[in-house]
Amino acid sequence: MQFKIYTIPITGDSETELEMNRFLQTHRIIDVDHRLCTFATSAYWSFNICYIAKPPGNAAPVAPFPKKDYKELLTEPEFAIFTRLRAIRKQIAHKEGVAIYHVFTNEELAQMSSLPELTLVSLQTIHGIAVCFIAYYKVKGGIYAII
């Protein structure tokens, strides 16, 4: 992971803007943090760009994880539960101010939807879900509330 910082005066700098846009279009971007910085008589935008560097030389590029079509992988009733869990996860992430995958991943939700019964014990069988995490969302009334 690498970082690139651009500063653009509040009045604009079309050359720097073009350079930054070219950079954004040609790199695998993880995150962009932007802030308006002000001083006594001037102001500028600061862009901190976090990206994945291309492999050196002729090395093969890093392949992304293959996408899964959960509608094909799950039965119709399981997919209905999966869809409800995704909606609840989105609400929780919005309330907590975090990315949805910080709450539960799609894989974890798919495993939850495949369980015959959602209980505290059955949720602990899913790889990646910690007991303290389940207890936290039980108190918050999140995903565990539908059990």
C-alpha atoms as a PDB file:
ATOM      1  CA  MET A   1       0.000   0.000   0.000  1.00  0.00           C
ATOM      2  CA  GLN A   2       1.299   3.426  -0.950  1.00  0.00           C
ATOM      3  CA  PHE A   3       0.292   7.064  -0.457  1.00  0.00           C
ATOM      4  CA  LYS A   4       0.269  10.026  -2.836  1.00  0.00           C
ATOM      5  CA  ILE A   5      -0.575  13.560  -1.712  1.00  0.00           C
ATOM      6  CA  TYR A   6      -1.859  16.344  -3.925  1.00  0.00           C
ATOM      7  CA  THR A   7      -2.416  19.935  -2.842  1.00  0.00           C
ATOM      8  CA  ILE A   8      -4.588  22.172  -4.975  1.00  0.00           C
ATOM      9  CA  PRO A   9      -5.085  25.873  -4.238  1.00  0.00           C
ATOM     10  CA  ILE A  10      -8.687  26.854  -3.510  1.00  0.00           C
ATOM     11  CA  THR A  11      -8.578  29.044  -6.624  1.00  0.00           C
ATOM     12  CA  GLY A  12      -7.832  25.927  -8.671  1.00  0.00           C
ATOM     13  CA  ASP A  13      -4.868  24.531 -10.558  1.00  0.00           C
ATOM     14  CA  SER A  14      -6.054  22.741 -13.667  1.00  0.00           C
ATOM     15  CA  GLU A  15      -2.671  21.122 -14.344  1.00  0.00           C
ATOM     16  CA  THR A  16      -2.526  19.501 -10.878  1.00  0.00           C
ATOM     17  CA  GLU A  17      -6.198  18.532 -11.116  1.00  0.00           C
ATOM     18  CA  LEU A  18      -5.585  16.784 -14.450  1.00  0.00           C
ATOM     19  CA  GLU A  19      -2.519  15.018 -13.049  1.00  0.00           C
ATOM     20  CA  MET A  20      -4.486  13.827 -10.005  1.00  0.00           C
ATOM     21  CA  ASN A  21      -7.406  12.633 -12.155  1.00  0.00           C
ATOM     22  CA  ARG A  22      -5.015  10.706 -14.426  1.00  0.00           C
ATOM     23  CA  PHE A  23      -3.435   9.133 -11.348  1.00  0.00           C
ATOM     24  CA  LEU A  24      -6.852   8.134  -9.965  1.00  0.00           C
ATOM     25  CA  GLN A  25      -7.879   6.585 -13.284  1.00  0.00           C
ATOM     26  CA  THR A  26      -4.700   4.543 -13.691  1.00  0.00           C
ATOM     27  CA  HIS A  27      -4.185   3.158 -10.181  1.00  0.00           C
ATOM     28  CA  ARG A  28      -6.041   0.799  -7.898  1.00  0.00           C
ATOM     29  CA  ILE A  29      -7.350   3.234  -5.279  1.00  0.00           C
ATOM     30  CA  ILE A  30      -8.115   2.084  -1.756  1.00  0.00           C
ATOM     31  CA  ASP A  31      -9.108   5.381  -0.149  1.00  0.00           C
ATOM     32  CA  VAL A  32      -9.083   9.122  -0.760  1.00  0.00           C
ATOM     33  CA  ASP A  33      -9.091  11.533   2.161  1.00  0.00           C
ATOM     34  CA  HIS A  34      -9.584  15.184   1.302  1.00  0.00           C
ATOM     35  CA  ARG A  35      -9.495  18.228   3.529  1.00  0.00           C
ATOM     36  CA  LEU A  36      -9.793  21.944   3.124  1.00  0.00           C
ATOM     37  CA  CYS A  37      -6.770  23.555   4.758  1.00  0.00           C
ATOM     38  CA  THR A  38      -6.803  27.256   5.559  1.00  0.00           C
ATOM     39  CA  PHE A  39      -4.091  29.663   6.615  1.00  0.00           C
ATOM     40  CA  ALA A  40      -4.136  33.392   7.262  1.00  0.00           C
ATOM     41  CA  THR A  41      -4.468  34.510   3.644  1.00  0.00           C
ATOM     42  CA  SER A  42      -4.693  31.282   1.649  1.00  0.00           C
ATOM     43  CA  ALA A  43      -6.559  28.020   1.429  1.00  0.00           C
ATOM     44  CA  TYR A  44      -6.014  24.782  -0.459  1.00  0.00           C
ATOM     45  CA  TRP A  45      -7.405  21.288  -0.833  1.00  0.00           C
ATOM     46  CA  SER A  46      -5.224  18.443   0.360  1.00  0.00           C
ATOM     47  CA  PHE A  47      -5.875  14.980  -1.108  1.00  0.00           C
ATOM     48  CA  ASN A  48      -4.258  11.947   0.538  1.00  0.00           C
ATOM     49  CA  ILE A  49      -4.642   8.991  -1.812  1.00  0.00           C
ATOM     50  CA  CYS A  50      -4.019   5.457  -0.584  1.00  0.00           C
ATOM     51  CA  TYR A  51      -3.407   2.996  -3.434  1.00  0.00           C
ATOM     52  CA  ILE A  52      -1.930  -0.370  -4.296  1.00  0.00           C
ATOM     53  CA  ALA A  53       1.280  -0.107  -6.267  1.00  0.00           C
ATOM     54  CA  LYS A  54       1.608  -2.055  -9.472  1.00  0.00           C
ATOM     55  CA  PRO A  55       3.901  -5.077  -9.252  1.00  0.00           C
ATOM     56  CA  PRO A  56       7.515  -4.346 -10.252  1.00  0.00           C
ATOM     57  CA  GLY A  57       8.820  -5.318 -13.685  1.00  0.00           C
ATOM     58  CA  ASN A  58       7.013  -8.050 -15.549  1.00  0.00           C
ATOM     59  CA  ALA A  59       5.356  -9.542 -12.499  1.00  0.00           C
ATOM     60  CA  ALA A  60       1.740 -10.494 -13.002  1.00  0.00           C
ATOM     61  CA  PRO A  61      -0.742  -8.057 -11.508  1.00  0.00           C
ATOM     62  CA  VAL A  62      -2.494  -9.023  -8.317  1.00  0.00           C
ATOM     63  CA  ALA A  63      -5.783 -10.656  -9.255  1.00  0.00           C
ATOM     64  CA  PRO A  64      -8.862  -9.532  -7.343  1.00  0.00           C
ATOM     65  CA  PHE A  65     -10.884 -12.087  -5.443  1.00  0.00           C
ATOM     66  CA  PRO A  66     -13.443 -13.715  -7.723  1.00  0.00           C
ATOM     67  CA  LYS A  67     -16.955 -12.412  -7.106  1.00  0.00           C
ATOM     68  CA  LYS A  68     -19.531 -14.864  -5.839  1.00  0.00           C
ATOM     69  CA  ASP A  69     -23.131 -14.846  -6.987  1.00  0.00           C
ATOM     70  CA  TYR A  70     -24.904 -15.729  -3.767  1.00  0.00           C
ATOM     71  CA  LYS A  71     -28.246 -15.968  -5.575  1.00  0.00           C
ATOM     72  CA  GLU A  72     -26.824 -18.969  -7.432  1.00  0.00           C
ATOM     73  CA  LEU A  73     -24.959 -20.427  -4.446  1.00  0.00           C
ATOM     74  CA  LEU A  74     -27.827 -20.254  -1.932  1.00  0.00           C
ATOM     75  CA  THR A  75     -31.277 -21.787  -2.029  1.00  0.00           C
ATOM     76  CA  GLU A  76     -34.216 -19.414  -2.496  1.00  0.00           C
ATOM     77  CA  PRO A  77     -35.135 -19.336   1.250  1.00  0.00           C
ATOM     78  CA  GLU A  78     -31.465 -18.910   2.206  1.00  0.00           C
ATOM     79  CA  PHE A  79     -31.087 -16.060  -0.284  1.00  0.00           C
ATOM     80  CA  ALA A  80     -34.155 -14.331   1.205  1.00  0.00           C
ATOM     81  CA  ILE A  81     -32.531 -14.500   4.661  1.00  0.00           C
ATOM     82  CA  PHE A  82     -29.215 -13.362   3.160  1.00  0.00           C
ATOM     83  CA  THR A  83     -30.950 -10.322   1.627  1.00  0.00           C
ATOM     84  CA  ARG A  84     -32.550  -9.407   4.982  1.00  0.00           C
ATOM     85  CA  LEU A  85     -29.210  -9.797   6.757  1.00  0.00           C
ATOM     86  CA  ARG A  86     -27.522  -7.523   4.214  1.00  0.00           C
ATOM     87  CA  ALA A  87     -30.141  -4.820   4.814  1.00  0.00           C
ATOM     88  CA  ILE A  88     -29.653  -5.070   8.588  1.00  0.00           C
ATOM     89  CA  ARG A  89     -25.866  -5.007   8.148  1.00  0.00           C
ATOM     90  CA  LYS A  90     -26.185  -1.823   6.088  1.00  0.00           C
ATOM     91  CA  GLN A  91     -28.259  -0.165   8.848  1.00  0.00           C
ATOM     92  CA  ILE A  92     -25.736  -1.177  11.505  1.00  0.00           C
ATOM     93  CA  ALA A  93     -22.789   0.078   9.431  1.00  0.00           C
ATOM     94  CA  HIS A  94     -24.557   3.394   8.852  1.00  0.00           C
ATOM     95  CA  LYS A  95     -25.314   3.804  12.585  1.00  0.00           C
ATOM     96  CA  GLU A  96     -21.779   2.857  13.583  1.00  0.00           C
ATOM     97  CA  GLY A  97     -20.149   4.933  10.841  1.00  0.00           C
ATOM     98  CA  VAL A  98     -18.119   2.013   9.487  1.00  0.00           C
ATOM     99  CA  ALA A  99     -17.863   0.155   6.182  1.00  0.00           C
ATOM    100  CA  ILE A 100     -20.354  -2.684   5.798  1.00  0.00           C
ATOM    101  CA  TYR A 101     -17.633  -5.330   5.633  1.00  0.00           C
ATOM    102  CA  HIS A 102     -16.481  -4.248   9.106  1.00  0.00           C
ATOM    103  CA  VAL A 103     -19.789  -5.512  10.478  1.00  0.00           C
ATOM    104  CA  PHE A 104     -19.980  -8.831   8.609  1.00  0.00           C
ATOM    105  CA  THR A 105     -18.649  -9.996   5.252  1.00  0.00           C
ATOM    106  CA  ASN A 106     -20.933 -11.393   2.547  1.00  0.00           C
ATOM    107  CA  GLU A 107     -19.391 -14.805   3.169  1.00  0.00           C
ATOM    108  CA  GLU A 108     -20.299 -14.633   6.876  1.00  0.00           C
ATOM    109  CA  LEU A 109     -23.845 -13.546   5.996  1.00  0.00           C
ATOM    110  CA  ALA A 110     -24.159 -16.431   3.526  1.00  0.00           C
ATOM    111  CA  GLN A 111     -23.038 -18.876   6.207  1.00  0.00           C
ATOM    112  CA  MET A 112     -25.537 -17.335   8.659  1.00  0.00           C
ATOM    113  CA  SER A 113     -28.359 -17.712   6.149  1.00  0.00           C
ATOM    114  CA  SER A 114     -27.459 -21.377   5.662  1.00  0.00           C
ATOM    115  CA  LEU A 115     -27.694 -22.220   9.358  1.00  0.00           C
ATOM    116  CA  PRO A 116     -30.797 -24.212  10.329  1.00  0.00           C
ATOM    117  CA  GLU A 117     -31.248 -21.902  13.313  1.00  0.00           C
ATOM    118  CA  LEU A 118     -29.567 -18.630  14.261  1.00  0.00           C
ATOM    119  CA  THR A 119     -28.450 -18.879  17.860  1.00  0.00           C
ATOM    120  CA  LEU A 120     -25.502 -17.563  19.800  1.00  0.00           C
ATOM    121  CA  VAL A 121     -23.942 -21.037  19.686  1.00  0.00           C
ATOM    122  CA  SER A 122     -24.552 -21.545  15.941  1.00  0.00           C
ATOM    123  CA  LEU A 123     -23.111 -18.102  15.097  1.00  0.00           C
ATOM    124  CA  GLN A 124     -19.916 -19.049  16.925  1.00  0.00           C
ATOM    125  CA  THR A 125     -19.394 -21.867  14.389  1.00  0.00           C
ATOM    126  CA  ILE A 126     -18.876 -19.341  11.583  1.00  0.00           C
ATOM    127  CA  HIS A 127     -15.207 -18.645  10.934  1.00  0.00           C
ATOM    128  CA  GLY A 128     -14.357 -14.996  11.551  1.00  0.00           C
ATOM    129  CA  ILE A 129     -17.133 -14.152  13.992  1.00  0.00           C
ATOM    130  CA  ALA A 130     -15.901 -13.640  17.554  1.00  0.00           C
ATOM    131  CA  VAL A 131     -18.068 -14.197  20.637  1.00  0.00           C
ATOM    132  CA  CYS A 132     -17.500 -10.637  21.868  1.00  0.00           C
ATOM    133  CA  PHE A 133     -18.573  -9.301  18.463  1.00  0.00           C
ATOM    134  CA  ILE A 134     -21.839 -11.254  18.586  1.00  0.00           C
ATOM    135  CA  ALA A 135     -22.487 -10.052  22.133  1.00  0.00           C
ATOM    136  CA  TYR A 136     -21.834  -6.440  21.066  1.00  0.00           C
ATOM    137  CA  TYR A 137     -24.428  -6.574  18.291  1.00  0.00           C
ATOM    138  CA  LYS A 138     -26.861  -8.460  20.532  1.00  0.00           C
ATOM    139  CA  VAL A 139     -26.771  -5.496  22.922  1.00  0.00           C
ATOM    140  CA  LYS A 140     -27.061  -3.048  19.999  1.00  0.00           C
ATOM    141  CA  GLY A 141     -30.113  -4.940  18.680  1.00  0.00           C
ATOM    142  CA  GLY A 142     -28.517  -5.580  15.308  1.00  0.00           C
ATOM    143  CA  ILE A 143     -28.282  -8.804  13.325  1.00  0.00           C
ATOM    144  CA  TYR A 144     -28.785 -10.932  16.399  1.00  0.00           C
ATOM    145  CA  ALA A 145     -32.196  -9.242  16.896  1.00  0.00           C
ATOM    146  CA  ILE A 146     -33.728 -11.235  14.042  1.00  0.00           C
ATOM    147  CA  ILE A 147     -32.929 -14.543  15.740  1.00  0.00           C
END
